[in-house]
Amino acid sequence: MNKAELVAKLSDRANLPRTEATKVVDALFSVENGIIAEALRGGEKITITGFGSFETKKREARTGRNPRTGKEIQIAASTNAAFRAGKGLKDRLGA
């Protein structure tokens, strides 16, 4: 499902005009100023009970290998976003 399909489903299910549904999706998921992205940039963890949680994970700098040449390379430290499914979602998916 892509963003347009998500907007269409939200519009139908919540009986909202598509423009309003687009605003809601953007308010949650926009990379620049979405609620989730802003919270993650601020170091917060977002937990939606039963659905799951969003948080940041820090990866330390490490040494890796270039698969083409086999030469060692330095991989910089990074911070990544992670999602962990909650029990309710896992149960509904049959996981």
PDB file of N, CA and C in Angstrom:
ATOM      1  N   MET A   1       0.853  -1.169   0.000  1.00  0.00           N
ATOM      2  CA  MET A   1       0.000   0.000   0.000  1.00  0.00           C
ATOM      3  C   MET A   1       0.898   1.231   0.000  1.00  0.00           C
ATOM      4  N   ASN A   2       0.598   2.170  -0.876  1.00  0.00           N
ATOM      5  CA  ASN A   2       1.361   3.411  -0.913  1.00  0.00           C
ATOM      6  C   ASN A   2       0.556   4.532  -0.249  1.00  0.00           C
ATOM      7  N   LYS A   3       1.108   5.739  -0.246  1.00  0.00           N
ATOM      8  CA  LYS A   3       0.477   6.852   0.454  1.00  0.00           C
ATOM      9  C   LYS A   3      -0.905   7.167  -0.133  1.00  0.00           C
ATOM     10  N   ALA A   4      -1.034   7.178  -1.452  1.00  0.00           N
ATOM     11  CA  ALA A   4      -2.318   7.497  -2.079  1.00  0.00           C
ATOM     12  C   ALA A   4      -3.386   6.467  -1.693  1.00  0.00           C
ATOM     13  N   GLU A   5      -3.009   5.208  -1.645  1.00  0.00           N
ATOM     14  CA  GLU A   5      -3.955   4.165  -1.255  1.00  0.00           C
ATOM     15  C   GLU A   5      -4.339   4.291   0.221  1.00  0.00           C
ATOM     16  N   LEU A   6      -3.360   4.648   1.056  1.00  0.00           N
ATOM     17  CA  LEU A   6      -3.639   4.857   2.476  1.00  0.00           C
ATOM     18  C   LEU A   6      -4.611   6.020   2.658  1.00  0.00           C
ATOM     19  N   VAL A   7      -4.388   7.109   1.945  1.00  0.00           N
ATOM     20  CA  VAL A   7      -5.281   8.276   2.014  1.00  0.00           C
ATOM     21  C   VAL A   7      -6.688   7.881   1.578  1.00  0.00           C
ATOM     22  N   ALA A   8      -6.799   7.116   0.489  1.00  0.00           N
ATOM     23  CA  ALA A   8      -8.116   6.701  -0.013  1.00  0.00           C
ATOM     24  C   ALA A   8      -8.845   5.834   1.012  1.00  0.00           C
ATOM     25  N   LYS A   9      -8.143   4.885   1.621  1.00  0.00           N
ATOM     26  CA  LYS A   9      -8.782   4.008   2.621  1.00  0.00           C
ATOM     27  C   LYS A   9      -9.199   4.801   3.859  1.00  0.00           C
ATOM     28  N   LEU A  10      -8.324   5.715   4.310  1.00  0.00           N
ATOM     29  CA  LEU A  10      -8.655   6.544   5.465  1.00  0.00           C
ATOM     30  C   LEU A  10      -9.865   7.418   5.158  1.00  0.00           C
ATOM     31  N   SER A  11      -9.904   7.985   3.975  1.00  0.00           N
ATOM     32  CA  SER A  11     -11.020   8.824   3.554  1.00  0.00           C
ATOM     33  C   SER A  11     -12.329   8.042   3.583  1.00  0.00           C
ATOM     34  N   ASP A  12     -12.310   6.824   3.044  1.00  0.00           N
ATOM     35  CA  ASP A  12     -13.518   5.990   3.028  1.00  0.00           C
ATOM     36  C   ASP A  12     -13.931   5.550   4.433  1.00  0.00           C
ATOM     37  N   ARG A  13     -12.966   5.064   5.209  1.00  0.00           N
ATOM     38  CA  ARG A  13     -13.282   4.497   6.522  1.00  0.00           C
ATOM     39  C   ARG A  13     -13.722   5.560   7.521  1.00  0.00           C
ATOM     40  N   ALA A  14     -13.088   6.735   7.493  1.00  0.00           N
ATOM     41  CA  ALA A  14     -13.410   7.787   8.463  1.00  0.00           C
ATOM     42  C   ALA A  14     -14.419   8.791   7.910  1.00  0.00           C
ATOM     43  N   ASN A  15     -14.892   8.541   6.681  1.00  0.00           N
ATOM     44  CA  ASN A  15     -15.865   9.422   6.042  1.00  0.00           C
ATOM     45  C   ASN A  15     -15.355  10.863   6.000  1.00  0.00           C
ATOM     46  N   LEU A  16     -14.099  11.010   5.547  1.00  0.00           N
ATOM     47  CA  LEU A  16     -13.458  12.322   5.423  1.00  0.00           C
ATOM     48  C   LEU A  16     -13.251  12.645   3.947  1.00  0.00           C
ATOM     49  N   PRO A  17     -13.257  13.922   3.605  1.00  0.00           N
ATOM     50  CA  PRO A  17     -12.850  14.274   2.241  1.00  0.00           C
ATOM     51  C   PRO A  17     -11.367  13.898   2.043  1.00  0.00           C
ATOM     52  N   ARG A  18     -10.985  13.590   0.825  1.00  0.00           N
ATOM     53  CA  ARG A  18      -9.597  13.169   0.580  1.00  0.00           C
ATOM     54  C   ARG A  18      -8.583  14.228   0.983  1.00  0.00           C
ATOM     55  N   THR A  19      -8.928  15.487   0.834  1.00  0.00           N
ATOM     56  CA  THR A  19      -7.981  16.538   1.234  1.00  0.00           C
ATOM     57  C   THR A  19      -7.710  16.485   2.733  1.00  0.00           C
ATOM     58  N   GLU A  20      -8.758  16.229   3.518  1.00  0.00           N
ATOM     59  CA  GLU A  20      -8.585  16.118   4.970  1.00  0.00           C
ATOM     60  C   GLU A  20      -7.803  14.860   5.333  1.00  0.00           C
ATOM     61  N   ALA A  21      -8.097  13.753   4.668  1.00  0.00           N
ATOM     62  CA  ALA A  21      -7.365  12.506   4.923  1.00  0.00           C
ATOM     63  C   ALA A  21      -5.890  12.677   4.583  1.00  0.00           C
ATOM     64  N   THR A  22      -5.589  13.408   3.514  1.00  0.00           N
ATOM     65  CA  THR A  22      -4.194  13.679   3.142  1.00  0.00           C
ATOM     66  C   THR A  22      -3.498  14.478   4.235  1.00  0.00           C
ATOM     67  N   LYS A  23      -4.185  15.462   4.790  1.00  0.00           N
ATOM     68  CA  LYS A  23      -3.611  16.266   5.875  1.00  0.00           C
ATOM     69  C   LYS A  23      -3.302  15.401   7.097  1.00  0.00           C
ATOM     70  N   VAL A  24      -4.198  14.469   7.407  1.00  0.00           N
ATOM     71  CA  VAL A  24      -3.999  13.586   8.558  1.00  0.00           C
ATOM     72  C   VAL A  24      -2.784  12.687   8.339  1.00  0.00           C
ATOM     73  N   VAL A  25      -2.695  12.070   7.169  1.00  0.00           N
ATOM     74  CA  VAL A  25      -1.566  11.189   6.861  1.00  0.00           C
ATOM     75  C   VAL A  25      -0.257  11.984   6.899  1.00  0.00           C
ATOM     76  N   ASP A  26      -0.249  13.178   6.306  1.00  0.00           N
ATOM     77  CA  ASP A  26       0.955  14.016   6.324  1.00  0.00           C
ATOM     78  C   ASP A  26       1.322  14.429   7.749  1.00  0.00           C
ATOM     79  N   ALA A  27       0.324  14.748   8.560  1.00  0.00           N
ATOM     80  CA  ALA A  27       0.598  15.169   9.937  1.00  0.00           C
ATOM     81  C   ALA A  27       1.276  14.053  10.729  1.00  0.00           C
ATOM     82  N   LEU A  28       0.947  12.810  10.426  1.00  0.00           N
ATOM     83  CA  LEU A  28       1.569  11.690  11.129  1.00  0.00           C
ATOM     84  C   LEU A  28       2.904  11.272  10.531  1.00  0.00           C
ATOM     85  N   PHE A  29       2.955  11.145   9.200  1.00  0.00           N
ATOM     86  CA  PHE A  29       4.077  10.454   8.569  1.00  0.00           C
ATOM     87  C   PHE A  29       5.058  11.328   7.784  1.00  0.00           C
ATOM     88  N   SER A  30       4.841  12.630   7.668  1.00  0.00           N
ATOM     89  CA  SER A  30       5.760  13.476   6.916  1.00  0.00           C
ATOM     90  C   SER A  30       7.174  13.405   7.510  1.00  0.00           C
ATOM     91  N   VAL A  31       8.155  13.274   6.652  1.00  0.00           N
ATOM     92  CA  VAL A  31       9.538  13.180   7.106  1.00  0.00           C
ATOM     93  C   VAL A  31      10.009  14.518   7.675  1.00  0.00           C
ATOM     94  N   GLU A  32       9.574  15.619   7.076  1.00  0.00           N
ATOM     95  CA  GLU A  32      10.035  16.940   7.512  1.00  0.00           C
ATOM     96  C   GLU A  32       9.406  17.376   8.827  1.00  0.00           C
ATOM     97  N   ASN A  33       8.066  17.293   8.925  1.00  0.00           N
ATOM     98  CA  ASN A  33       7.411  17.814  10.127  1.00  0.00           C
ATOM     99  C   ASN A  33       6.282  16.926  10.629  1.00  0.00           C
ATOM    100  N   GLY A  34       6.330  15.655  10.345  1.00  0.00           N
ATOM    101  CA  GLY A  34       5.325  14.723  10.858  1.00  0.00           C
ATOM    102  C   GLY A  34       5.526  14.468  12.347  1.00  0.00           C
ATOM    103  N   ILE A  35       4.465  14.123  13.002  1.00  0.00           N
ATOM    104  CA  ILE A  35       4.494  13.889  14.450  1.00  0.00           C
ATOM    105  C   ILE A  35       5.481  12.784  14.814  1.00  0.00           C
ATOM    106  N   ILE A  36       5.466  11.693  14.079  1.00  0.00           N
ATOM    107  CA  ILE A  36       6.358  10.575  14.386  1.00  0.00           C
ATOM    108  C   ILE A  36       7.814  10.957  14.170  1.00  0.00           C
ATOM    109  N   ALA A  37       8.121  11.579  13.031  1.00  0.00           N
ATOM    110  CA  ALA A  37       9.506  11.964  12.729  1.00  0.00           C
ATOM    111  C   ALA A  37      10.036  12.976  13.738  1.00  0.00           C
ATOM    112  N   GLU A  38       9.217  13.944  14.110  1.00  0.00           N
ATOM    113  CA  GLU A  38       9.653  14.946  15.090  1.00  0.00           C
ATOM    114  C   GLU A  38       9.946  14.311  16.443  1.00  0.00           C
ATOM    115  N   ALA A  39       9.107  13.392  16.855  1.00  0.00           N
ATOM    116  CA  ALA A  39       9.327  12.724  18.143  1.00  0.00           C
ATOM    117  C   ALA A  39      10.612  11.899  18.106  1.00  0.00           C
ATOM    118  N   LEU A  40      10.847  11.185  17.010  1.00  0.00           N
ATOM    119  CA  LEU A  40      12.068  10.382  16.894  1.00  0.00           C
ATOM    120  C   LEU A  40      13.308  11.266  16.880  1.00  0.00           C
ATOM    121  N   ARG A  41      13.243  12.390  16.164  1.00  0.00           N
ATOM    122  CA  ARG A  41      14.388  13.316  16.157  1.00  0.00           C
ATOM    123  C   ARG A  41      14.661  13.853  17.549  1.00  0.00           C
ATOM    124  N   GLY A  42      13.616  13.999  18.365  1.00  0.00           N
ATOM    125  CA  GLY A  42      13.769  14.478  19.742  1.00  0.00           C
ATOM    126  C   GLY A  42      14.165  13.385  20.722  1.00  0.00           C
ATOM    127  N   GLY A  43      14.383  12.171  20.218  1.00  0.00           N
ATOM    128  CA  GLY A  43      14.809  11.077  21.080  1.00  0.00           C
ATOM    129  C   GLY A  43      13.674  10.374  21.807  1.00  0.00           C
ATOM    130  N   GLU A  44      12.429  10.688  21.445  1.00  0.00           N
ATOM    131  CA  GLU A  44      11.286  10.058  22.099  1.00  0.00           C
ATOM    132  C   GLU A  44      10.962   8.707  21.471  1.00  0.00           C
ATOM    133  N   LYS A  45      10.277   7.883  22.231  1.00  0.00           N
ATOM    134  CA  LYS A  45       9.751   6.618  21.743  1.00  0.00           C
ATOM    135  C   LYS A  45       8.238   6.776  21.642  1.00  0.00           C
ATOM    136  N   ILE A  46       7.665   6.339  20.532  1.00  0.00           N
ATOM    137  CA  ILE A  46       6.230   6.428  20.332  1.00  0.00           C
ATOM    138  C   ILE A  46       5.653   5.030  20.493  1.00  0.00           C
ATOM    139  N   THR A  47       4.724   4.865  21.420  1.00  0.00           N
ATOM    140  CA  THR A  47       4.103   3.563  21.654  1.00  0.00           C
ATOM    141  C   THR A  47       2.606   3.677  21.430  1.00  0.00           C
ATOM    142  N   ILE A  48       2.093   2.833  20.544  1.00  0.00           N
ATOM    143  CA  ILE A  48       0.662   2.746  20.286  1.00  0.00           C
ATOM    144  C   ILE A  48       0.252   1.360  20.787  1.00  0.00           C
ATOM    145  N   THR A  49      -0.360   1.316  21.941  1.00  0.00           N
ATOM    146  CA  THR A  49      -0.676   0.057  22.607  1.00  0.00           C
ATOM    147  C   THR A  49      -1.428  -0.886  21.676  1.00  0.00           C
ATOM    148  N   GLY A  50      -0.936  -2.106  21.587  1.00  0.00           N
ATOM    149  CA  GLY A  50      -1.543  -3.122  20.746  1.00  0.00           C
ATOM    150  C   GLY A  50      -1.044  -3.118  19.322  1.00  0.00           C
ATOM    151  N   PHE A  51      -0.586  -1.958  18.834  1.00  0.00           N
ATOM    152  CA  PHE A  51      -0.117  -1.853  17.455  1.00  0.00           C
ATOM    153  C   PHE A  51       1.397  -1.993  17.368  1.00  0.00           C
ATOM    154  N   GLY A  52       2.119  -1.184  18.132  1.00  0.00           N
ATOM    155  CA  GLY A  52       3.569  -1.275  18.105  1.00  0.00           C
ATOM    156  C   GLY A  52       4.234  -0.004  18.581  1.00  0.00           C
ATOM    157  N   SER A  53       5.547   0.046  18.412  1.00  0.00           N
ATOM    158  CA  SER A  53       6.289   1.222  18.861  1.00  0.00           C
ATOM    159  C   SER A  53       7.360   1.603  17.847  1.00  0.00           C
ATOM    160  N   PHE A  54       7.592   2.907  17.774  1.00  0.00           N
ATOM    161  CA  PHE A  54       8.641   3.479  16.946  1.00  0.00           C
ATOM    162  C   PHE A  54       9.707   4.001  17.893  1.00  0.00           C
ATOM    163  N   GLU A  55      10.962   3.750  17.574  1.00  0.00           N
ATOM    164  CA  GLU A  55      12.055   4.274  18.385  1.00  0.00           C
ATOM    165  C   GLU A  55      13.299   4.390  17.520  1.00  0.00           C
ATOM    166  N   THR A  56      14.321   5.043  18.056  1.00  0.00           N
ATOM    167  CA  THR A  56      15.581   5.139  17.330  1.00  0.00           C
ATOM    168  C   THR A  56      16.563   4.130  17.913  1.00  0.00           C
ATOM    169  N   LYS A  57      17.405   3.618  17.057  1.00  0.00           N
ATOM    170  CA  LYS A  57      18.456   2.684  17.458  1.00  0.00           C
ATOM    171  C   LYS A  57      19.786   3.273  17.008  1.00  0.00           C
ATOM    172  N   LYS A  58      20.740   3.282  17.912  1.00  0.00           N
ATOM    173  CA  LYS A  58      22.074   3.776  17.578  1.00  0.00           C
ATOM    174  C   LYS A  58      22.967   2.601  17.201  1.00  0.00           C
ATOM    175  N   ARG A  59      23.710   2.777  16.118  1.00  0.00           N
ATOM    176  CA  ARG A  59      24.681   1.761  15.704  1.00  0.00           C
ATOM    177  C   ARG A  59      26.070   2.371  15.850  1.00  0.00           C
ATOM    178  N   GLU A  60      26.941   1.652  16.495  1.00  0.00           N
ATOM    179  CA  GLU A  60      28.312   2.114  16.698  1.00  0.00           C
ATOM    180  C   GLU A  60      29.086   2.059  15.386  1.00  0.00           C
ATOM    181  N   ALA A  61      30.152   2.826  15.312  1.00  0.00           N
ATOM    182  CA  ALA A  61      31.049   2.748  14.157  1.00  0.00           C
ATOM    183  C   ALA A  61      31.689   1.364  14.152  1.00  0.00           C
ATOM    184  N   ARG A  62      31.929   0.851  12.965  1.00  0.00           N
ATOM    185  CA  ARG A  62      32.503  -0.490  12.884  1.00  0.00           C
ATOM    186  C   ARG A  62      33.302  -0.648  11.599  1.00  0.00           C
ATOM    187  N   THR A  63      34.033  -1.732  11.533  1.00  0.00           N
ATOM    188  CA  THR A  63      34.804  -2.060  10.343  1.00  0.00           C
ATOM    189  C   THR A  63      34.019  -3.078   9.533  1.00  0.00           C
ATOM    190  N   GLY A  64      33.905  -2.827   8.240  1.00  0.00           N
ATOM    191  CA  GLY A  64      33.205  -3.749   7.353  1.00  0.00           C
ATOM    192  C   GLY A  64      34.096  -4.107   6.181  1.00  0.00           C
ATOM    193  N   ARG A  65      33.544  -4.814   5.222  1.00  0.00           N
ATOM    194  CA  ARG A  65      34.290  -5.194   4.027  1.00  0.00           C
ATOM    195  C   ARG A  65      33.520  -4.797   2.788  1.00  0.00           C
ATOM    196  N   ASN A  66      34.247  -4.281   1.819  1.00  0.00           N
ATOM    197  CA  ASN A  66      33.669  -4.015   0.513  1.00  0.00           C
ATOM    198  C   ASN A  66      33.484  -5.374  -0.156  1.00  0.00           C
ATOM    199  N   PRO A  67      32.252  -5.764  -0.497  1.00  0.00           N
ATOM    200  CA  PRO A  67      32.040  -7.103  -1.051  1.00  0.00           C
ATOM    201  C   PRO A  67      32.701  -7.312  -2.413  1.00  0.00           C
ATOM    202  N   ARG A  68      32.932  -6.244  -3.156  1.00  0.00           N
ATOM    203  CA  ARG A  68      33.577  -6.369  -4.464  1.00  0.00           C
ATOM    204  C   ARG A  68      35.064  -6.622  -4.378  1.00  0.00           C
ATOM    205  N   THR A  69      35.702  -5.847  -3.492  1.00  0.00           N
ATOM    206  CA  THR A  69      37.167  -5.917  -3.432  1.00  0.00           C
ATOM    207  C   THR A  69      37.675  -6.704  -2.231  1.00  0.00           C
ATOM    208  N   GLY A  70      36.845  -6.868  -1.216  1.00  0.00           N
ATOM    209  CA  GLY A  70      37.290  -7.540  -0.001  1.00  0.00           C
ATOM    210  C   GLY A  70      38.083  -6.615   0.906  1.00  0.00           C
ATOM    211  N   LYS A  71      38.266  -5.368   0.494  1.00  0.00           N
ATOM    212  CA  LYS A  71      39.037  -4.398   1.255  1.00  0.00           C
ATOM    213  C   LYS A  71      38.239  -3.929   2.479  1.00  0.00           C
ATOM    214  N   GLU A  72      38.933  -3.754   3.614  1.00  0.00           N
ATOM    215  CA  GLU A  72      38.275  -3.272   4.826  1.00  0.00           C
ATOM    216  C   GLU A  72      37.899  -1.810   4.656  1.00  0.00           C
ATOM    217  N   ILE A  73      36.714  -1.450   5.175  1.00  0.00           N
ATOM    218  CA  ILE A  73      36.261  -0.062   5.151  1.00  0.00           C
ATOM    219  C   ILE A  73      35.708   0.288   6.526  1.00  0.00           C
ATOM    220  N   GLN A  74      35.723   1.572   6.844  1.00  0.00           N
ATOM    221  CA  GLN A  74      35.160   2.046   8.098  1.00  0.00           C
ATOM    222  C   GLN A  74      33.717   2.484   7.847  1.00  0.00           C
ATOM    223  N   ILE A  75      32.809   1.958   8.650  1.00  0.00           N
ATOM    224  CA  ILE A  75      31.403   2.334   8.560  1.00  0.00           C
ATOM    225  C   ILE A  75      31.116   3.255   9.738  1.00  0.00           C
ATOM    226  N   ALA A  76      30.615   4.445   9.434  1.00  0.00           N
ATOM    227  CA  ALA A  76      30.381   5.460  10.466  1.00  0.00           C
ATOM    228  C   ALA A  76      29.226   5.071  11.383  1.00  0.00           C
ATOM    229  N   ALA A  77      29.230   5.631  12.573  1.00  0.00           N
ATOM    230  CA  ALA A  77      28.119   5.443  13.504  1.00  0.00           C
ATOM    231  C   ALA A  77      26.871   6.074  12.897  1.00  0.00           C
ATOM    232  N   SER A  78      25.698   5.529  13.224  1.00  0.00           N
ATOM    233  CA  SER A  78      24.460   6.071  12.663  1.00  0.00           C
ATOM    234  C   SER A  78      23.304   5.852  13.638  1.00  0.00           C
ATOM    235  N   THR A  79      22.245   6.603  13.419  1.00  0.00           N
ATOM    236  CA  THR A  79      21.017   6.454  14.173  1.00  0.00           C
ATOM    237  C   THR A  79      19.923   6.117  13.173  1.00  0.00           C
ATOM    238  N   ASN A  80      19.171   5.041  13.431  1.00  0.00           N
ATOM    239  CA  ASN A  80      18.136   4.588  12.519  1.00  0.00           C
ATOM    240  C   ASN A  80      16.798   4.494  13.234  1.00  0.00           C
ATOM    241  N   ALA A  81      15.731   4.657  12.466  1.00  0.00           N
ATOM    242  CA  ALA A  81      14.389   4.474  13.003  1.00  0.00           C
ATOM    243  C   ALA A  81      14.052   2.990  12.974  1.00  0.00           C
ATOM    244  N   ALA A  82      13.336   2.529  13.993  1.00  0.00           N
ATOM    245  CA  ALA A  82      12.948   1.124  14.059  1.00  0.00           C
ATOM    246  C   ALA A  82      11.494   1.035  14.504  1.00  0.00           C
ATOM    247  N   PHE A  83      10.800   0.034  13.988  1.00  0.00           N
ATOM    248  CA  PHE A  83       9.423  -0.239  14.390  1.00  0.00           C
ATOM    249  C   PHE A  83       9.371  -1.649  14.951  1.00  0.00           C
ATOM    250  N   ARG A  84       8.714  -1.802  16.081  1.00  0.00           N
ATOM    251  CA  ARG A  84       8.524  -3.130  16.678  1.00  0.00           C
ATOM    252  C   ARG A  84       7.032  -3.348  16.831  1.00  0.00           C
ATOM    253  N   ALA A  85       6.525  -4.397  16.202  1.00  0.00           N
ATOM    254  CA  ALA A  85       5.092  -4.701  16.272  1.00  0.00           C
ATOM    255  C   ALA A  85       4.693  -5.076  17.686  1.00  0.00           C
ATOM    256  N   GLY A  86       3.511  -4.619  18.090  1.00  0.00           N
ATOM    257  CA  GLY A  86       2.979  -4.939  19.405  1.00  0.00           C
ATOM    258  C   GLY A  86       2.278  -6.286  19.423  1.00  0.00           C
ATOM    259  N   LYS A  87       1.926  -6.755  20.595  1.00  0.00           N
ATOM    260  CA  LYS A  87       1.315  -8.071  20.735  1.00  0.00           C
ATOM    261  C   LYS A  87       0.004  -8.190  19.955  1.00  0.00           C
ATOM    262  N   GLY A  88      -0.844  -7.174  20.030  1.00  0.00           N
ATOM    263  CA  GLY A  88      -2.118  -7.226  19.330  1.00  0.00           C
ATOM    264  C   GLY A  88      -1.936  -7.385  17.820  1.00  0.00           C
ATOM    265  N   LEU A  89      -1.007  -6.633  17.248  1.00  0.00           N
ATOM    266  CA  LEU A  89      -0.743  -6.735  15.812  1.00  0.00           C
ATOM    267  C   LEU A  89      -0.138  -8.090  15.471  1.00  0.00           C
ATOM    268  N   LYS A  90       0.797  -8.547  16.282  1.00  0.00           N
ATOM    269  CA  LYS A  90       1.406  -9.865  16.036  1.00  0.00           C
ATOM    270  C   LYS A  90       0.363 -10.963  16.072  1.00  0.00           C
ATOM    271  N   ASP A  91      -0.542 -10.895  17.052  1.00  0.00           N
ATOM    272  CA  ASP A  91      -1.591 -11.905  17.175  1.00  0.00           C
ATOM    273  C   ASP A  91      -2.514 -11.906  15.961  1.00  0.00           C
ATOM    274  N   ARG A  92      -2.863 -10.716  15.458  1.00  0.00           N
ATOM    275  CA  ARG A  92      -3.752 -10.617  14.303  1.00  0.00           C
ATOM    276  C   ARG A  92      -3.079 -11.087  13.013  1.00  0.00           C
ATOM    277  N   LEU A  93      -1.756 -10.964  12.966  1.00  0.00           N
ATOM    278  CA  LEU A  93      -1.021 -11.407  11.785  1.00  0.00           C
ATOM    279  C   LEU A  93      -0.711 -12.891  11.831  1.00  0.00           C
ATOM    280  N   GLY A  94      -0.884 -13.480  12.983  1.00  0.00           N
ATOM    281  CA  GLY A  94      -0.597 -14.903  13.138  1.00  0.00           C
ATOM    282  C   GLY A  94       0.880 -15.199  13.315  1.00  0.00           C
ATOM    283  N   ALA A  95       1.634 -14.193  13.760  1.00  0.00           N
ATOM    284  CA  ALA A  95       3.079 -14.361  13.938  1.00  0.00           C
ATOM    285  C   ALA A  95       3.390 -15.050  15.242  1.00  0.00           C
TER     286      ALA A  95
END
